[in-house]
Protein backbone atom coordinates (compact mmCIF):
# COMPACT_ATOMS: atom_id res chain seq x y z
CA UNK A 1 19.74 -13.92 14.94
CA UNK A 2 22.36 -12.87 12.39
CA UNK A 3 24.54 -9.83 12.71
CA UNK A 4 22.65 -6.77 11.54
CA UNK A 5 19.49 -8.68 10.75
CA UNK A 6 16.06 -7.32 11.64
CA UNK A 7 14.60 -8.34 14.95
CA UNK A 8 11.56 -10.53 15.35
CA UNK A 9 9.30 -7.57 16.16
CA UNK A 10 10.38 -5.69 13.03
CA UNK A 11 9.87 -8.75 10.84
CA UNK A 12 6.41 -9.30 12.33
CA UNK A 13 5.52 -5.66 11.77
CA UNK A 14 6.62 -5.93 8.14
CA UNK A 15 4.49 -9.04 7.61
CA UNK A 16 1.48 -7.33 9.17
CA UNK A 17 1.94 -4.35 6.84
CA UNK A 18 2.08 -6.67 3.84
CA UNK A 19 -1.10 -8.37 5.06
CA UNK A 20 -2.83 -4.98 5.37
CA UNK A 21 -1.77 -4.04 1.85
CA UNK A 22 -3.14 -7.32 0.47
CA UNK A 23 -6.36 -6.88 2.43
CA UNK A 24 -6.75 -3.35 1.05
CA UNK A 25 -6.31 -4.63 -2.50
CA UNK A 26 -8.85 -7.41 -1.90
CA UNK A 27 -11.41 -5.04 -0.40
CA UNK A 28 -10.93 -2.63 -3.28
CA UNK A 29 -11.61 -5.42 -5.78
CA UNK A 30 -14.65 -6.70 -3.86
CA UNK A 31 -16.10 -3.21 -3.57
CA UNK A 32 -15.66 -2.73 -7.30
CA UNK A 33 -17.28 -6.05 -8.16
CA UNK A 34 -20.28 -6.10 -5.81
CA UNK A 35 -21.69 -2.59 -5.73
CA UNK A 36 -24.66 -1.40 -7.78
CA UNK A 37 -23.21 1.66 -9.49
CA UNK A 38 -20.28 0.06 -11.38
CA UNK A 39 -18.91 3.11 -13.31
CA UNK A 40 -18.70 5.23 -10.17
CA UNK A 41 -17.07 2.39 -8.25
CA UNK A 42 -14.59 1.78 -11.06
CA UNK A 43 -13.65 5.46 -11.00
CA UNK A 44 -13.22 5.34 -7.21
CA UNK A 45 -11.09 2.19 -7.42
CA UNK A 46 -8.94 3.75 -10.13
CA UNK A 47 -8.54 6.89 -8.04
CA UNK A 48 -7.55 4.88 -4.96
CA UNK A 49 -5.03 2.77 -6.85
CA UNK A 50 -3.70 5.86 -8.63
CA UNK A 51 -3.13 7.67 -5.34
CA UNK A 52 -1.20 4.67 -4.04
CA UNK A 53 0.87 4.44 -7.23
CA UNK A 54 1.73 8.15 -7.26
CA UNK A 55 2.72 8.06 -3.60
CA UNK A 56 4.92 4.98 -3.65
CA UNK A 57 6.21 4.93 -7.24
CA UNK A 58 6.69 8.64 -7.90
CA UNK A 59 6.62 10.93 -4.87
CA UNK A 60 8.88 8.89 -2.58
CA UNK A 61 11.58 8.69 -5.29
CA UNK A 62 11.97 12.46 -5.65
CA UNK A 63 15.03 14.07 -4.04
CA UNK A 64 12.87 16.53 -2.06
CA UNK A 65 10.72 13.74 -0.63
CA UNK A 66 11.37 12.51 2.91
CA UNK A 67 11.56 8.98 1.48
CA UNK A 68 9.39 5.96 2.17
CA UNK A 69 8.35 5.19 5.74
CA UNK A 70 11.07 3.51 7.78
CA UNK A 71 14.08 5.19 6.19
CA UNK A 72 14.47 7.86 8.85
């Protein structure tokens, strides 16, 4: 292990979080594609993606925000 590098547990935790994010995106797409009421599902998918985008691309970058998870 290199000096100052993340430990194995932290690297594994990061990979699991990436897997959860990919799974969430996949389930969102499948829900949108295979439900009966497409316009309502499209609106729900857009709302879910929009909430994610606002949280991670806007809110966490503000000076009054506590920052993204893991920086404290």
